[in-house]
């Protein structure tokens, strides 16, 4: 299979006062196109940090991350921002929806900077239908349940037809029944569109839905 993402000897260090906390200690991995990969680990193990580094959101202290053979942290800030907008979709645990916008506008937002506003909203409505929210069009995030908000976030992640989707504990704030429904939509849409998915979770049930699992412990992947 064709490789889409590669990380080599990635280190990430945070400073807390005078103390250095090495969260990632030389992580290496590769992800193939169309693969669904789960990265597991206990709370505080650095799973989210790794996902942010892989997704171009948090520059590592050392090591490199390549997307289709190109080093993403070798890009200029403007080029990296455009890369994220056009090639990557994100689903966060806390949804990160803008309360002042309705859900169509929230979903359309990633496409508005690079295309027609009218076309973006039309596609946003189509995606909201696909995640079962046709009757909620026109509502704002605060008028939706947690599960519905996460489905809006999934639609937003798919807005620009990204090559790869990063999901950070997508069911972490949901009860088990709601989480299962959200996962069903996520995996159905990823499979139908042949997206690559990298998901971090502490749940074995969630991880088992992916085609491959890795475990992050003491700053290294097992």
Protein backbone atom coordinates (compact mmCIF):
# COMPACT_ATOMS: atom_id res chain seq x y z
CA UNK A 1 0.00 0.00 0.00
CA UNK A 2 1.05 3.59 -0.65
CA UNK A 3 2.43 5.45 2.35
CA UNK A 4 0.77 8.79 3.14
CA UNK A 5 2.30 9.79 6.48
CA UNK A 6 5.65 9.11 8.09
CA UNK A 7 7.16 10.26 11.38
CA UNK A 8 10.82 9.69 12.27
CA UNK A 9 12.32 10.04 15.76
CA UNK A 10 9.86 12.71 16.84
CA UNK A 11 10.54 14.33 20.20
CA UNK A 12 8.35 16.87 21.98
CA UNK A 13 9.44 18.60 25.17
CA UNK A 14 7.45 20.96 27.35
CA UNK A 15 8.94 23.29 29.95
CA UNK A 16 7.16 23.63 33.28
CA UNK A 17 9.05 26.29 35.18
CA UNK A 18 12.65 25.06 35.19
CA UNK A 19 11.65 21.47 34.56
CA UNK A 20 11.71 19.80 31.15
CA UNK A 21 8.99 17.25 30.49
CA UNK A 22 9.80 14.99 27.55
CA UNK A 23 6.40 13.76 26.33
CA UNK A 24 7.54 12.12 23.08
CA UNK A 25 10.93 10.41 23.16
CA UNK A 26 11.71 9.56 19.56
CA UNK A 27 8.45 8.30 18.09
CA UNK A 28 8.55 6.74 14.62
CA UNK A 29 5.62 5.40 12.62
CA UNK A 30 4.18 5.22 9.13
CA UNK A 31 0.57 5.29 7.95
CA UNK A 32 -0.67 3.90 4.66
CA UNK A 33 -3.27 5.53 2.46
CA UNK A 34 -6.77 4.35 3.34
CA UNK A 35 -5.66 2.83 6.65
CA UNK A 36 -7.49 3.30 9.94
CA UNK A 37 -4.97 3.48 12.79
CA UNK A 38 -5.71 3.69 16.51
CA UNK A 39 -3.09 5.04 18.91
CA UNK A 40 -3.89 3.97 22.45
CA UNK A 41 -2.47 5.01 25.78
CA UNK A 42 -3.37 6.02 29.29
CA UNK A 43 -4.45 9.56 30.13
CA UNK A 44 -1.40 11.85 30.07
CA UNK A 45 0.65 9.47 27.92
CA UNK A 46 1.07 12.06 25.14
CA UNK A 47 -1.50 10.68 22.68
CA UNK A 48 -2.99 14.08 21.89
CA UNK A 49 0.47 15.65 21.63
CA UNK A 50 1.47 13.01 19.09
CA UNK A 51 -1.71 13.56 17.09
CA UNK A 52 -1.13 17.32 17.02
CA UNK A 53 2.45 16.81 15.85
CA UNK A 54 1.34 14.41 13.10
CA UNK A 55 -1.40 16.78 12.01
CA UNK A 56 0.77 19.87 11.66
CA UNK A 57 -0.57 21.63 14.76
CA UNK A 58 2.43 21.34 17.11
CA UNK A 59 6.02 21.46 15.88
CA UNK A 60 8.26 18.79 17.44
CA UNK A 61 11.51 19.60 19.22
CA UNK A 62 13.32 17.23 16.85
CA UNK A 63 12.57 14.58 14.24
CA UNK A 64 10.46 15.00 11.15
CA UNK A 65 6.95 14.40 9.85
CA UNK A 66 6.41 13.78 6.15
CA UNK A 67 3.16 13.88 4.21
CA UNK A 68 3.41 12.19 0.81
CA UNK A 69 7.18 12.54 1.05
CA UNK A 70 7.20 16.25 1.92
CA UNK A 71 8.37 17.49 5.32
CA UNK A 72 5.46 19.48 6.74
CA UNK A 73 7.58 21.33 9.30
CA UNK A 74 9.92 22.41 6.53
CA UNK A 75 7.07 24.48 5.07
CA UNK A 76 6.56 28.19 5.66
CA UNK A 77 3.81 29.11 8.13
CA UNK A 78 1.49 30.14 5.29
CA UNK A 79 2.18 26.95 3.33
CA UNK A 80 1.62 24.81 6.42
CA UNK A 81 -1.71 26.53 7.13
CA UNK A 82 -2.83 25.88 3.57
CA UNK A 83 -1.67 22.27 3.80
CA UNK A 84 -3.80 21.75 6.91
CA UNK A 85 -6.81 23.39 5.31
CA UNK A 86 -6.66 21.38 2.09
CA UNK A 87 -5.32 17.99 3.19
CA UNK A 88 -6.25 17.40 6.81
CA UNK A 89 -9.49 17.10 8.78
CA UNK A 90 -9.65 17.25 12.58
CA UNK A 91 -12.18 15.90 15.06
CA UNK A 92 -11.53 17.00 18.64
CA UNK A 93 -12.91 15.65 21.91
CA UNK A 94 -14.44 19.03 22.82
CA UNK A 95 -16.01 19.66 19.38
CA UNK A 96 -14.57 23.22 18.99
CA UNK A 97 -17.66 24.59 17.26
CA UNK A 98 -18.18 28.34 17.11
CA UNK A 99 -21.30 29.26 19.13
CA UNK A 100 -22.04 32.43 17.13
CA UNK A 101 -22.44 30.43 13.89
CA UNK A 102 -25.17 27.98 12.95
CA UNK A 103 -24.14 24.42 12.18
CA UNK A 104 -24.13 24.93 8.41
CA UNK A 105 -21.70 27.82 8.83
CA UNK A 106 -19.56 25.80 11.25
CA UNK A 107 -19.26 22.93 8.76
CA UNK A 108 -18.66 25.25 5.79
CA UNK A 109 -16.00 27.32 7.56
CA UNK A 110 -12.91 25.35 6.37
CA UNK A 111 -13.93 25.84 2.73
CA UNK A 112 -14.95 29.48 2.85
CA UNK A 113 -11.37 30.77 2.68
CA UNK A 114 -10.53 28.80 -0.45
CA UNK A 115 -13.76 28.79 -2.47
CA UNK A 116 -17.28 30.04 -3.00
CA UNK A 117 -19.26 30.73 0.17
CA UNK A 118 -22.47 29.59 -1.53
CA UNK A 119 -20.92 26.33 -2.73
CA UNK A 120 -19.39 25.71 0.71
CA UNK A 121 -22.77 26.06 2.42
CA UNK A 122 -24.42 23.77 -0.11
CA UNK A 123 -21.82 21.07 0.53
CA UNK A 124 -22.11 21.63 4.29
CA UNK A 125 -25.85 20.92 4.10
CA UNK A 126 -25.17 17.71 2.16
CA UNK A 127 -22.68 16.55 4.80
CA UNK A 128 -25.10 17.34 7.62
CA UNK A 129 -27.67 15.12 5.90
CA UNK A 130 -25.06 12.34 5.75
CA UNK A 131 -24.48 12.54 9.51
CA UNK A 132 -28.22 12.46 10.22
CA UNK A 133 -28.72 16.14 11.06
CA UNK A 134 -30.95 17.30 8.21
CA UNK A 135 -33.61 18.46 10.67
CA UNK A 136 -31.10 20.49 12.70
CA UNK A 137 -29.94 22.76 9.86
CA UNK A 138 -30.27 26.34 11.06
CA UNK A 139 -29.61 25.47 14.70
CA UNK A 140 -26.58 26.68 16.63
CA UNK A 141 -24.23 24.31 18.51
CA UNK A 142 -25.65 25.13 21.94
CA UNK A 143 -29.06 23.91 20.77
CA UNK A 144 -27.68 20.43 20.02
CA UNK A 145 -26.77 17.48 22.21
CA UNK A 146 -23.13 16.47 22.66
CA UNK A 147 -23.49 13.63 20.19
CA UNK A 148 -25.07 15.91 17.60
CA UNK A 149 -22.29 18.46 18.06
CA UNK A 150 -19.69 15.77 17.46
CA UNK A 151 -21.49 14.75 14.26
CA UNK A 152 -21.28 18.39 13.15
CA UNK A 153 -17.54 18.24 13.89
CA UNK A 154 -17.21 15.11 11.75
CA UNK A 155 -19.00 16.83 8.87
CA UNK A 156 -16.67 19.82 9.25
CA UNK A 157 -13.61 17.53 9.15
CA UNK A 158 -14.83 16.11 5.84
CA UNK A 159 -15.65 19.49 4.33
CA UNK A 160 -12.55 19.88 2.15
CA UNK A 161 -12.35 16.16 1.25
CA UNK A 162 -9.06 15.73 3.15
CA UNK A 163 -6.58 12.96 2.49
CA UNK A 164 -6.29 12.19 6.19
CA UNK A 165 -8.46 12.71 9.27
CA UNK A 166 -7.12 13.00 12.82
CA UNK A 167 -9.60 12.23 15.61
CA UNK A 168 -8.65 13.05 19.21
CA UNK A 169 -10.75 10.99 21.65
CA UNK A 170 -13.87 11.60 19.50
CA UNK A 171 -16.17 9.87 21.99
CA UNK A 172 -14.39 11.01 25.16
CA UNK A 173 -17.17 13.42 26.20
CA UNK A 174 -20.06 11.12 25.24
CA UNK A 175 -21.92 8.28 26.91
CA UNK A 176 -21.38 4.81 25.44
CA UNK A 177 -24.59 4.69 23.38
CA UNK A 178 -24.10 8.14 21.89
CA UNK A 179 -20.42 7.42 21.30
CA UNK A 180 -21.24 4.26 19.39
CA UNK A 181 -23.60 6.19 17.11
CA UNK A 182 -20.96 8.86 16.47
CA UNK A 183 -18.34 6.20 15.67
CA UNK A 184 -20.70 4.52 13.23
CA UNK A 185 -21.05 7.74 11.26
CA UNK A 186 -17.31 8.42 11.39
CA UNK A 187 -16.23 4.99 10.17
CA UNK A 188 -18.98 4.73 7.54
CA UNK A 189 -18.02 8.06 6.01
CA UNK A 190 -14.27 7.37 6.17
CA UNK A 191 -14.75 3.99 4.50
CA UNK A 192 -17.11 5.30 1.83
CA UNK A 193 -14.70 8.09 0.87
CA UNK A 194 -11.53 6.03 1.38
CA UNK A 195 -10.04 8.57 3.76
CA UNK A 196 -7.10 7.71 5.99
CA UNK A 197 -7.94 7.91 9.70
CA UNK A 198 -5.60 8.27 12.68
CA UNK A 199 -7.48 8.14 15.96
CA UNK A 200 -6.25 8.39 19.54
CA UNK A 201 -8.21 6.79 22.35
CA UNK A 202 -7.86 5.12 25.73
CA UNK A 203 -10.74 2.76 24.87
CA UNK A 204 -10.02 -0.72 23.54
CA UNK A 205 -13.57 -0.91 22.16
CA UNK A 206 -12.95 2.19 20.05
CA UNK A 207 -9.47 1.08 18.98
CA UNK A 208 -10.73 -2.34 17.87
CA UNK A 209 -12.74 -0.70 15.10
CA UNK A 210 -9.50 0.34 13.38
CA UNK A 211 -7.44 -1.87 11.09
CA UNK A 212 -4.30 -1.40 13.22
CA UNK A 213 -3.49 -0.48 16.82
CA UNK A 214 -0.39 1.00 18.44
CA UNK A 215 0.20 1.79 22.13
CA UNK A 216 1.99 4.87 23.45
CA UNK A 217 3.83 4.30 26.72
CA UNK A 218 6.61 6.30 28.35
CA UNK A 219 6.92 8.49 25.26
CA UNK A 220 7.43 5.61 22.82
CA UNK A 221 5.14 3.56 20.58
CA UNK A 222 4.78 -0.14 21.21
